[in-house]
Protein backbone atom coordinates (compact mmCIF):
# COMPACT_ATOMS: atom_id res chain seq x y z
CA MET A 1 -0.05 -0.01 0.05
CA SER A 2 1.31 3.48 -0.97
CA LEU A 3 1.35 5.63 2.18
CA THR A 4 -0.42 8.86 1.05
CA PRO A 5 -3.13 11.07 2.45
CA ASP A 6 -5.38 9.49 -0.17
CA SER A 7 -4.57 5.90 0.96
CA VAL A 8 -5.30 6.86 4.38
CA ILE A 9 -8.58 8.56 3.53
CA ASP A 10 -9.59 5.58 1.30
CA ALA A 11 -8.96 3.07 4.14
CA LEU A 12 -11.22 4.87 6.27
CA GLY A 13 -14.03 4.75 3.55
CA GLY A 14 -13.50 7.71 1.50
CA THR A 15 -14.01 11.40 2.17
CA LYS A 16 -17.63 11.40 3.10
CA ALA A 17 -17.12 8.43 5.59
CA THR A 18 -14.12 10.08 7.09
CA SER A 19 -15.81 13.38 7.55
CA GLU A 20 -18.88 11.83 9.19
CA GLY A 21 -16.77 9.76 11.51
CA LEU A 22 -14.82 12.88 12.59
CA GLY A 23 -18.02 14.70 12.99
CA LEU A 24 -17.11 17.28 10.22
CA SER A 25 -20.16 18.97 8.50
CA ALA A 26 -17.72 19.97 5.35
CA LEU A 27 -16.49 17.50 3.05
CA SER A 28 -14.25 19.91 1.65
CA THR A 29 -12.17 19.58 4.97
CA VAL A 30 -11.19 16.03 4.44
CA SER A 31 -11.02 16.46 0.66
CA SER A 32 -8.46 19.23 1.08
CA TRP A 33 -6.47 16.74 3.08
CA ARG A 34 -6.04 14.75 -0.04
CA LYS A 35 -3.89 17.48 -1.57
CA ARG A 36 -2.41 19.18 1.58
CA GLY A 37 -1.88 16.25 3.86
CA ILE A 38 -3.58 15.36 7.22
CA PRO A 39 -2.94 17.99 9.72
CA PRO A 40 -0.98 16.51 12.80
CA GLY A 41 -3.63 18.05 15.05
CA ARG A 42 -6.30 15.63 13.55
CA TRP A 43 -4.05 12.46 14.04
CA PRO A 44 -5.71 11.47 17.41
CA GLN A 45 -9.12 11.50 15.77
CA ILE A 46 -7.91 9.67 12.69
CA VAL A 47 -6.38 7.01 14.91
CA ARG A 48 -9.37 6.64 16.95
CA LEU A 49 -11.66 6.49 13.67
CA ALA A 50 -9.40 3.89 12.25
CA ASP A 51 -9.47 1.70 15.31
CA ALA A 52 -13.27 1.90 15.35
CA LYS A 53 -13.19 0.79 11.71
CA GLY A 54 -10.89 -2.14 12.25
CA LYS A 55 -7.98 -0.42 10.62
CA SER A 56 -5.74 -0.61 13.82
CA TYR A 57 -2.58 -0.46 11.58
CA ILE A 58 -3.27 3.27 11.11
CA THR A 59 -1.35 4.60 14.24
CA PHE A 60 0.59 7.75 14.86
CA GLU A 61 3.71 6.10 13.63
CA PHE A 62 1.85 5.11 10.32
CA LEU A 63 0.68 8.69 9.90
CA ALA A 64 4.06 10.02 10.41
CA ALA A 65 5.24 7.91 7.55
CA VAL A 66 2.70 9.21 5.13
CA GLU A 67 4.25 10.61 2.10
CA PRO A 68 4.37 14.37 2.15
CA VAL A 69 2.10 15.64 -0.65
CA GLY A 70 4.65 17.47 -2.49
CA ALA A 71 6.80 14.25 -2.77
CA ARG A 72 4.39 12.52 -5.19
CA THR A 73 5.31 11.94 -8.71
């Protein structure tokens, strides 16, 4: 699996499912993370959501290894 913001969001069920799981009303927030990266301040929520969805491999260490958005080719 490629470690990108896209792969994390997709593993959580996509933009809508991630937004809903985090209690965000605007899909554009999570959608922007696909381009800009997942803000570290949201990592605790992402890890809890991942655990609730049975994706316990998404940890703080996993998120720290996600490729910076500008590194994509």
